[in-house]
PDB file of N, CA and C in Angstrom:
ATOM      1  N   MET A   1      63.882  18.242  15.385  1.00  0.00           N
ATOM      2  CA  MET A   1      62.965  17.710  16.377  1.00  0.00           C
ATOM      3  C   MET A   1      61.585  18.335  16.141  1.00  0.00           C
ATOM      4  N   THR A   2      60.561  17.517  16.166  1.00  0.00           N
ATOM      5  CA  THR A   2      59.201  18.007  15.968  1.00  0.00           C
ATOM      6  C   THR A   2      58.437  17.905  17.273  1.00  0.00           C
ATOM      7  N   ASN A   3      57.441  18.766  17.430  1.00  0.00           N
ATOM      8  CA  ASN A   3      56.609  18.680  18.627  1.00  0.00           C
ATOM      9  C   ASN A   3      55.268  18.065  18.259  1.00  0.00           C
ATOM     10  N   ASP A   4      54.402  17.844  19.233  1.00  0.00           N
ATOM     11  CA  ASP A   4      53.126  17.184  18.978  1.00  0.00           C
ATOM     12  C   ASP A   4      52.247  17.953  18.008  1.00  0.00           C
ATOM     13  N   SER A   5      52.224  19.296  18.096  1.00  0.00           N
ATOM     14  CA  SER A   5      51.370  20.071  17.190  1.00  0.00           C
ATOM     15  C   SER A   5      51.877  19.993  15.756  1.00  0.00           C
ATOM     16  N   THR A   6      53.187  19.900  15.562  1.00  0.00           N
ATOM     17  CA  THR A   6      53.744  19.756  14.221  1.00  0.00           C
ATOM     18  C   THR A   6      53.352  18.407  13.640  1.00  0.00           C
ATOM     19  N   THR A   7      53.372  17.370  14.463  1.00  0.00           N
ATOM     20  CA  THR A   7      53.027  16.031  14.011  1.00  0.00           C
ATOM     21  C   THR A   7      51.543  15.923  13.679  1.00  0.00           C
ATOM     22  N   SER A   8      50.684  16.491  14.498  1.00  0.00           N
ATOM     23  CA  SER A   8      49.249  16.368  14.278  1.00  0.00           C
ATOM     24  C   SER A   8      48.700  17.421  13.316  1.00  0.00           C
ATOM     25  N   LEU A   9      49.434  18.503  13.107  1.00  0.00           N
ATOM     26  CA  LEU A   9      49.012  19.577  12.198  1.00  0.00           C
ATOM     27  C   LEU A   9      50.164  19.913  11.240  1.00  0.00           C
ATOM     28  N   PRO A  10      50.474  18.993  10.326  1.00  0.00           N
ATOM     29  CA  PRO A  10      51.667  19.172   9.492  1.00  0.00           C
ATOM     30  C   PRO A  10      51.492  20.081   8.279  1.00  0.00           C
ATOM     31  N   TRP A  11      50.272  20.571   8.021  1.00  0.00           N
ATOM     32  CA  TRP A  11      50.021  21.380   6.816  1.00  0.00           C
ATOM     33  C   TRP A  11      49.852  22.845   7.181  1.00  0.00           C
ATOM     34  N   LEU A  12      50.589  23.714   6.492  1.00  0.00           N
ATOM     35  CA  LEU A  12      50.561  25.148   6.733  1.00  0.00           C
ATOM     36  C   LEU A  12      49.932  25.881   5.567  1.00  0.00           C
ATOM     37  N   VAL A  13      49.263  26.987   5.856  1.00  0.00           N
ATOM     38  CA  VAL A  13      48.863  27.939   4.817  1.00  0.00           C
ATOM     39  C   VAL A  13      49.786  29.145   4.999  1.00  0.00           C
ATOM     40  N   ILE A  14      50.434  29.533   3.917  1.00  0.00           N
ATOM     41  CA  ILE A  14      51.381  30.645   3.913  1.00  0.00           C
ATOM     42  C   ILE A  14      50.821  31.775   3.075  1.00  0.00           C
ATOM     43  N   ARG A  15      51.005  33.007   3.548  1.00  0.00           N
ATOM     44  CA  ARG A  15      50.594  34.195   2.795  1.00  0.00           C
ATOM     45  C   ARG A  15      51.833  35.025   2.495  1.00  0.00           C
ATOM     46  N   GLN A  16      51.907  35.513   1.260  1.00  0.00           N
ATOM     47  CA  GLN A  16      52.971  36.437   0.882  1.00  0.00           C
ATOM     48  C   GLN A  16      52.341  37.751   0.466  1.00  0.00           C
ATOM     49  N   ASP A  17      52.794  38.854   1.065  1.00  0.00           N
ATOM     50  CA  ASP A  17      52.221  40.154   0.744  1.00  0.00           C
ATOM     51  C   ASP A  17      52.934  40.805  -0.442  1.00  0.00           C
ATOM     52  N   ASP A  18      52.503  42.005  -0.784  1.00  0.00           N
ATOM     53  CA  ASP A  18      53.045  42.736  -1.934  1.00  0.00           C
ATOM     54  C   ASP A  18      54.549  43.002  -1.822  1.00  0.00           C
ATOM     55  N   ASN A  19      55.070  43.037  -0.604  1.00  0.00           N
ATOM     56  CA  ASN A  19      56.485  43.328  -0.386  1.00  0.00           C
ATOM     57  C   ASN A  19      57.343  42.067  -0.282  1.00  0.00           C
ATOM     58  N   GLY A  20      56.742  40.904  -0.477  1.00  0.00           N
ATOM     59  CA  GLY A  20      57.482  39.647  -0.411  1.00  0.00           C
ATOM     60  C   GLY A  20      57.599  39.061   0.986  1.00  0.00           C
ATOM     61  N   ASN A  21      56.971  39.685   1.969  1.00  0.00           N
ATOM     62  CA  ASN A  21      56.995  39.151   3.328  1.00  0.00           C
ATOM     63  C   ASN A  21      56.065  37.949   3.416  1.00  0.00           C
ATOM     64  N   ARG A  22      56.520  36.900   4.090  1.00  0.00           N
ATOM     65  CA  ARG A  22      55.734  35.669   4.210  1.00  0.00           C
ATOM     66  C   ARG A  22      55.312  35.448   5.647  1.00  0.00           C
ATOM     67  N   TYR A  23      54.077  34.962   5.809  1.00  0.00           N
ATOM     68  CA  TYR A  23      53.493  34.735   7.128  1.00  0.00           C
ATOM     69  C   TYR A  23      52.762  33.403   7.151  1.00  0.00           C
ATOM     70  N   ARG A  24      52.822  32.720   8.287  1.00  0.00           N
ATOM     71  CA  ARG A  24      52.007  31.526   8.491  1.00  0.00           C
ATOM     72  C   ARG A  24      50.611  31.971   8.869  1.00  0.00           C
ATOM     73  N   VAL A  25      49.626  31.536   8.101  1.00  0.00           N
ATOM     74  CA  VAL A  25      48.233  31.889   8.364  1.00  0.00           C
ATOM     75  C   VAL A  25      47.629  30.902   9.350  1.00  0.00           C
ATOM     76  N   GLY A  26      47.947  29.621   9.186  1.00  0.00           N
ATOM     77  CA  GLY A  26      47.399  28.596  10.058  1.00  0.00           C
ATOM     78  C   GLY A  26      48.057  27.264   9.813  1.00  0.00           C
ATOM     79  N   GLN A  27      47.775  26.332  10.706  1.00  0.00           N
ATOM     80  CA  GLN A  27      48.327  24.987  10.661  1.00  0.00           C
ATOM     81  C   GLN A  27      47.166  24.009  10.710  1.00  0.00           C
ATOM     82  N   TYR A  28      47.183  22.978   9.833  1.00  0.00           N
ATOM     83  CA  TYR A  28      46.019  22.110   9.651  1.00  0.00           C
ATOM     84  C   TYR A  28      46.424  20.640   9.626  1.00  0.00           C
ATOM     85  N   ALA A  29      45.455  19.781   9.897  1.00  0.00           N
ATOM     86  CA  ALA A  29      45.697  18.344   9.973  1.00  0.00           C
ATOM     87  C   ALA A  29      45.839  17.696   8.599  1.00  0.00           C
ATOM     88  N   THR A  30      45.102  18.211   7.611  1.00  0.00           N
ATOM     89  CA  THR A  30      45.138  17.584   6.286  1.00  0.00           C
ATOM     90  C   THR A  30      45.452  18.615   5.212  1.00  0.00           C
ATOM     91  N   ARG A  31      45.982  18.130   4.117  1.00  0.00           N
ATOM     92  CA  ARG A  31      46.267  19.016   2.993  1.00  0.00           C
ATOM     93  C   ARG A  31      44.963  19.599   2.436  1.00  0.00           C
ATOM     94  N   ALA A  32      43.917  18.777   2.371  1.00  0.00           N
ATOM     95  CA  ALA A  32      42.632  19.233   1.839  1.00  0.00           C
ATOM     96  C   ALA A  32      42.087  20.406   2.663  1.00  0.00           C
ATOM     97  N   GLU A  33      42.194  20.303   3.974  1.00  0.00           N
ATOM     98  CA  GLU A  33      41.728  21.381   4.852  1.00  0.00           C
ATOM     99  C   GLU A  33      42.539  22.657   4.625  1.00  0.00           C
ATOM    100  N   ALA A  34      43.856  22.522   4.554  1.00  0.00           N
ATOM    101  CA  ALA A  34      44.723  23.674   4.318  1.00  0.00           C
ATOM    102  C   ALA A  34      44.449  24.293   2.952  1.00  0.00           C
ATOM    103  N   GLN A  35      44.271  23.458   1.940  1.00  0.00           N
ATOM    104  CA  GLN A  35      44.021  23.969   0.590  1.00  0.00           C
ATOM    105  C   GLN A  35      42.690  24.705   0.520  1.00  0.00           C
ATOM    106  N   LYS A  36      41.688  24.206   1.239  1.00  0.00           N
ATOM    107  CA  LYS A  36      40.379  24.862   1.271  1.00  0.00           C
ATOM    108  C   LYS A  36      40.506  26.272   1.847  1.00  0.00           C
ATOM    109  N   ILE A  37      41.279  26.422   2.912  1.00  0.00           N
ATOM    110  CA  ILE A  37      41.495  27.733   3.522  1.00  0.00           C
ATOM    111  C   ILE A  37      42.270  28.635   2.570  1.00  0.00           C
ATOM    112  N   ALA A  38      43.342  28.108   1.967  1.00  0.00           N
ATOM    113  CA  ALA A  38      44.144  28.907   1.027  1.00  0.00           C
ATOM    114  C   ALA A  38      43.291  29.377  -0.145  1.00  0.00           C
ATOM    115  N   ASP A  39      42.470  28.487  -0.689  1.00  0.00           N
ATOM    116  CA  ASP A  39      41.602  28.852  -1.821  1.00  0.00           C
ATOM    117  C   ASP A  39      40.589  29.912  -1.410  1.00  0.00           C
ATOM    118  N   SER A  40      40.039  29.781  -0.215  1.00  0.00           N
ATOM    119  CA  SER A  40      39.064  30.745   0.278  1.00  0.00           C
ATOM    120  C   SER A  40      39.687  32.130   0.429  1.00  0.00           C
ATOM    121  N   LEU A  41      40.874  32.188   1.004  1.00  0.00           N
ATOM    122  CA  LEU A  41      41.565  33.463   1.181  1.00  0.00           C
ATOM    123  C   LEU A  41      41.987  34.049  -0.158  1.00  0.00           C
ATOM    124  N   ASP A  42      42.461  33.199  -1.045  1.00  0.00           N
ATOM    125  CA  ASP A  42      42.901  33.645  -2.368  1.00  0.00           C
ATOM    126  C   ASP A  42      41.730  34.211  -3.173  1.00  0.00           C
ATOM    127  N   GLY A  43      40.545  33.682  -2.949  1.00  0.00           N
ATOM    128  CA  GLY A  43      39.361  34.107  -3.681  1.00  0.00           C
ATOM    129  C   GLY A  43      38.815  35.460  -3.269  1.00  0.00           C
ATOM    130  N   ARG A  44      39.386  36.062  -2.263  1.00  0.00           N
ATOM    131  CA  ARG A  44      38.909  37.359  -1.785  1.00  0.00           C
ATOM    132  C   ARG A  44      39.337  38.517  -2.691  1.00  0.00           C
ATOM    133  N   GLY A  45      40.240  38.245  -3.635  1.00  0.00           N
ATOM    134  CA  GLY A  45      40.611  39.269  -4.599  1.00  0.00           C
ATOM    135  C   GLY A  45      41.727  40.205  -4.168  1.00  0.00           C
ATOM    136  N   HIS A  46      42.377  39.944  -3.053  1.00  0.00           N
ATOM    137  CA  HIS A  46      43.502  40.771  -2.628  1.00  0.00           C
ATOM    138  C   HIS A  46      44.743  40.378  -3.431  1.00  0.00           C
ATOM    139  N   LYS A  47      45.771  41.186  -3.360  1.00  0.00           N
ATOM    140  CA  LYS A  47      46.984  40.922  -4.134  1.00  0.00           C
ATOM    141  C   LYS A  47      47.920  39.929  -3.457  1.00  0.00           C
ATOM    142  N   GLN A  48      47.608  39.510  -2.238  1.00  0.00           N
ATOM    143  CA  GLN A  48      48.465  38.552  -1.551  1.00  0.00           C
ATOM    144  C   GLN A  48      48.371  37.174  -2.214  1.00  0.00           C
ATOM    145  N   LEU A  49      49.441  36.413  -2.081  1.00  0.00           N
ATOM    146  CA  LEU A  49      49.472  35.036  -2.577  1.00  0.00           C
ATOM    147  C   LEU A  49      49.317  34.097  -1.393  1.00  0.00           C
ATOM    148  N   TYR A  50      48.607  32.994  -1.596  1.00  0.00           N
ATOM    149  CA  TYR A  50      48.431  31.969  -0.555  1.00  0.00           C
ATOM    150  C   TYR A  50      48.800  30.618  -1.129  1.00  0.00           C
ATOM    151  N   TRP A  51      49.474  29.794  -0.344  1.00  0.00           N
ATOM    152  CA  TRP A  51      49.782  28.441  -0.772  1.00  0.00           C
ATOM    153  C   TRP A  51      49.915  27.530   0.440  1.00  0.00           C
ATOM    154  N   VAL A  52      50.033  26.233   0.154  1.00  0.00           N
ATOM    155  CA  VAL A  52      50.101  25.203   1.191  1.00  0.00           C
ATOM    156  C   VAL A  52      51.519  24.632   1.227  1.00  0.00           C
ATOM    157  N   GLU A  53      52.019  24.446   2.443  1.00  0.00           N
ATOM    158  CA  GLU A  53      53.310  23.787   2.666  1.00  0.00           C
ATOM    159  C   GLU A  53      53.125  22.698   3.706  1.00  0.00           C
ATOM    160  N   ARG A  54      53.984  21.688   3.631  1.00  0.00           N
ATOM    161  CA  ARG A  54      53.976  20.607   4.625  1.00  0.00           C
ATOM    162  C   ARG A  54      55.221  20.738   5.483  1.00  0.00           C
ATOM    163  N   ILE A  55      55.054  20.521   6.784  1.00  0.00           N
ATOM    164  CA  ILE A  55      56.196  20.528   7.689  1.00  0.00           C
ATOM    165  C   ILE A  55      56.881  19.172   7.567  1.00  0.00           C
ATOM    166  N   GLY A  56      58.140  19.186   7.195  1.00  0.00           N
ATOM    167  CA  GLY A  56      58.919  17.960   7.013  1.00  0.00           C
ATOM    168  C   GLY A  56      59.371  17.369   8.328  1.00  0.00           C
ATOM    169  N   PRO A  57      60.000  16.209   8.273  1.00  0.00           N
ATOM    170  CA  PRO A  57      60.431  15.507   9.491  1.00  0.00           C
ATOM    171  C   PRO A  57      61.453  16.293  10.305  1.00  0.00           C
ATOM    172  N   ASN A  58      62.202  17.170   9.657  1.00  0.00           N
ATOM    173  CA  ASN A  58      63.193  17.961  10.390  1.00  0.00           C
ATOM    174  C   ASN A  58      62.623  19.302  10.873  1.00  0.00           C
ATOM    175  N   GLY A  59      61.315  19.524  10.669  1.00  0.00           N
ATOM    176  CA  GLY A  59      60.668  20.734  11.134  1.00  0.00           C
ATOM    177  C   GLY A  59      60.640  21.871  10.133  1.00  0.00           C
ATOM    178  N   SER A  60      61.268  21.688   8.975  1.00  0.00           N
ATOM    179  CA  SER A  60      61.235  22.735   7.965  1.00  0.00           C
ATOM    180  C   SER A  60      60.028  22.556   7.052  1.00  0.00           C
ATOM    181  N   ALA A  61      59.516  23.663   6.540  1.00  0.00           N
ATOM    182  CA  ALA A  61      58.348  23.623   5.660  1.00  0.00           C
ATOM    183  C   ALA A  61      58.790  23.407   4.208  1.00  0.00           C
ATOM    184  N   VAL A  62      57.996  22.604   3.504  1.00  0.00           N
ATOM    185  CA  VAL A  62      58.262  22.297   2.100  1.00  0.00           C
ATOM    186  C   VAL A  62      57.004  22.609   1.318  1.00  0.00           C
ATOM    187  N   ARG A  63      57.127  23.418   0.272  1.00  0.00           N
ATOM    188  CA  ARG A  63      55.959  23.784  -0.529  1.00  0.00           C
ATOM    189  C   ARG A  63      55.374  22.533  -1.164  1.00  0.00           C
ATOM    190  N   ALA A  64      54.063  22.374  -1.002  1.00  0.00           N
ATOM    191  CA  ALA A  64      53.394  21.159  -1.498  1.00  0.00           C
ATOM    192  C   ALA A  64      52.728  21.412  -2.843  1.00  0.00           C
TER     193      ALA A  64
END
């Protein structure tokens, strides 16, 4: 089951730290918007990894 925010903001930016822990950074309406944020954060030179995932119809995130 999905809620309204999942439907209107289906794109996530995920961060993974040096220890492999993953965190949701934010939720966005478009892939382009999410990718812009991920690229901006990734460009800061830290060792964390950032990527974009889409929330699927069943509510689970899928790496895009």
